[in-house]
Protein backbone atom coordinates (compact mmCIF):
# COMPACT_ATOMS: atom_id res chain seq x y z
CA MET A 1 0.01 0.00 -0.01
CA PRO A 2 1.60 3.36 -0.96
CA ARG A 3 2.34 5.78 1.80
CA GLN A 4 0.42 9.10 1.87
CA PRO A 5 2.57 12.27 1.66
CA GLY A 6 3.52 13.49 5.12
CA GLN A 7 2.75 10.05 6.66
CA PHE A 8 5.36 8.48 8.86
CA ASP A 9 5.91 4.86 9.89
CA LEU A 10 7.65 5.67 13.14
CA TYR A 11 8.28 8.64 15.47
CA THR A 12 11.25 9.10 17.68
CA PHE A 13 12.33 11.73 20.17
CA VAL A 14 15.76 13.27 19.91
CA ALA A 15 17.64 15.41 22.46
CA GLU A 16 18.29 18.93 21.10
CA ALA A 17 21.49 19.13 23.19
CA GLU A 18 23.00 16.26 21.17
CA LEU A 19 22.20 17.85 17.87
CA GLU A 20 23.63 21.21 18.96
CA GLN A 21 27.07 19.68 19.53
CA GLY A 22 27.54 19.55 15.75
CA ASN A 23 28.76 15.98 15.63
CA PRO A 24 27.33 13.17 13.45
CA PHE A 25 24.39 11.59 15.32
CA GLN A 26 23.41 7.89 15.14
CA LEU A 27 19.64 7.52 15.13
CA ARG A 28 18.41 3.99 15.77
CA CYS A 29 15.36 2.43 14.16
CA ASN A 30 13.14 -0.14 15.88
CA CYS A 31 14.45 -2.75 13.46
CA GLY A 32 18.02 -2.19 14.62
CA GLY A 33 19.00 -0.17 11.58
CA VAL A 34 21.08 2.98 12.08
CA VAL A 35 20.83 6.28 10.28
CA THR A 36 23.77 8.66 10.56
CA ILE A 37 22.66 12.25 10.64
CA MET A 38 25.29 14.71 9.59
CA PRO A 39 25.39 18.30 10.84
CA PRO A 40 23.83 20.69 10.33
CA PHE A 41 20.58 19.04 11.33
CA GLN A 42 17.89 20.19 8.87
CA ASP A 43 15.59 17.29 8.09
CA GLU A 44 12.32 16.49 9.79
CA TYR A 45 12.54 12.79 8.99
CA VAL A 46 14.96 10.09 7.87
CA VAL A 47 14.50 6.76 6.12
CA CYS A 48 15.93 3.65 7.70
CA PRO A 49 18.41 1.94 5.31
CA ARG A 50 17.51 -1.50 6.68
CA CYS A 51 13.69 -1.61 6.73
CA GLU A 52 12.93 1.63 4.79
CA ALA A 53 10.70 3.00 7.54
CA LYS A 54 10.08 6.73 7.30
CA ILE A 55 11.00 8.06 10.79
CA LYS A 56 9.75 11.45 11.97
CA MET A 57 12.18 13.04 14.44
CA LEU A 58 10.72 15.10 17.22
CA VAL A 59 13.44 17.29 18.77
CA LEU A 60 13.00 17.98 22.46
CA GLU A 61 14.62 20.91 24.24
CA GLY A 62 17.63 20.14 26.40
CA ASP A 63 18.79 16.69 27.32
CA PRO A 64 15.82 14.71 28.71
CA GLY A 65 16.51 11.04 29.26
CA TYR A 66 12.88 10.07 28.64
CA ILE A 67 9.39 11.42 28.24
CA ILE A 68 6.10 10.16 29.58
CA GLY A 69 3.97 8.34 27.07
CA ALA A 70 1.11 5.83 27.29
CA ASP A 71 0.19 2.43 25.94
CA PRO A 72 -3.05 2.26 23.93
CA ASP A 73 -4.95 1.31 27.11
CA GLY A 74 -3.71 4.53 28.78
CA THR A 75 -1.06 2.91 31.02
CA PRO A 76 1.80 5.38 31.38
CA LYS A 77 5.26 4.39 30.17
CA LEU A 78 8.69 5.91 29.79
CA LEU A 79 9.77 6.60 26.22
CA PRO A 80 13.45 7.01 25.46
CA VAL A 81 14.98 10.18 24.00
CA GLN A 82 17.69 9.36 21.48
CA GLY A 83 20.98 11.22 21.92
CA SER A 84 20.39 11.91 25.57
CA SER A 85 23.36 11.60 27.92
CA LYS A 86 20.98 10.29 30.59
CA PRO A 87 20.29 6.59 31.01
CA HIS A 88 17.79 4.83 28.70
CA PRO A 89 14.57 4.17 30.66
CA GLY A 90 15.16 0.46 30.19
CA LYS A 91 18.41 0.82 32.16
CA LEU A 92 16.76 2.37 35.19
CA SER A 93 16.24 0.02 38.09
CA THR A 94 12.75 -1.42 38.46
CA ALA A 95 12.31 0.64 41.65
CA GLU A 96 13.31 3.87 39.87
CA ARG A 97 10.89 3.18 36.95
CA GLU A 98 8.06 2.23 39.29
CA LYS A 99 8.57 5.35 41.37
CA ILE A 100 8.48 7.66 38.35
CA LEU A 101 5.41 5.95 36.92
CA ALA A 102 3.63 6.08 40.30
CA GLN A 103 4.23 9.82 40.38
CA VAL A 104 2.80 10.14 36.85
CA LYS A 105 -0.30 8.11 37.77
CA GLU A 106 -0.76 10.29 40.83
CA ARG A 107 -0.58 13.52 38.79
CA PHE A 108 -3.07 12.21 36.21
CA ALA A 109 -5.45 11.10 38.97
CA LYS A 110 -5.34 14.66 40.42
CA LYS A 111 -6.16 16.16 37.04
CA GLU A 112 -9.17 13.88 36.65
CA GLU A 113 -10.73 14.96 39.98
């Protein structure tokens, strides 16, 4: 099925701090493919050389290690930010992850009241 213009297969978050350093940046696709982004950063998306997925890059200010997202059922989860100097959310201890997610659930519960 042909892809519609402006339609992306994947979305990824990228730390602005990494891009501002002016060094080549290795963006990883879900399939394990790697796209090398050369400075100056100008594109809104890249295409994975391995699986040909069109990946939209969402640049986040600073150097966040993760952002808060949610599964389709609404369960909060930690989404990694590529290029961050902080640990990947999967490398946090279970206790650290659970503490962060508990705080998120608490904040969402307060907003619903």
